[in-house]
């Protein structure tokens, strides 16, 4: 598992776009290792929505989310799934309508207050839509 996260972290320092992670990681980490590392998300009986911060300092959320979506696609997940990556946001941005203007950017979570606020505002309606459609 460490090899997977090392490859993810090395690539993530240069690019936050989820699609760019797949080839970079697959060229460094054997498929059998990835299979053991990733959660079997294809077993979820419903839609899957992943939100990731490109400046997440807690863990490489953009890369792991990209690998997760790739796994759903390859396993033929029958429900809708998607990924939204917010390049300048950090680990915490999911609280809708929160006032991020006074929250300092820090090395622990990453992101700027402005980017975190934008990610929260943009992602909340998407989350609500996924929940409404998924619970029908």
Foldseek 3Di string as FASTA:
>chain_A
DVQQQVQLVVVLVPDLALVVLPVSSCVRDPPVVVVVVADPVLPDPWEEEAEEESFALQGSRSPNVSVVVVNNVVVVRPYHYDYDYQNQAWQDQQDAPDQLVPPCADNNTGHHSVSSNVSNPVCVVVVVVRVVVGVD
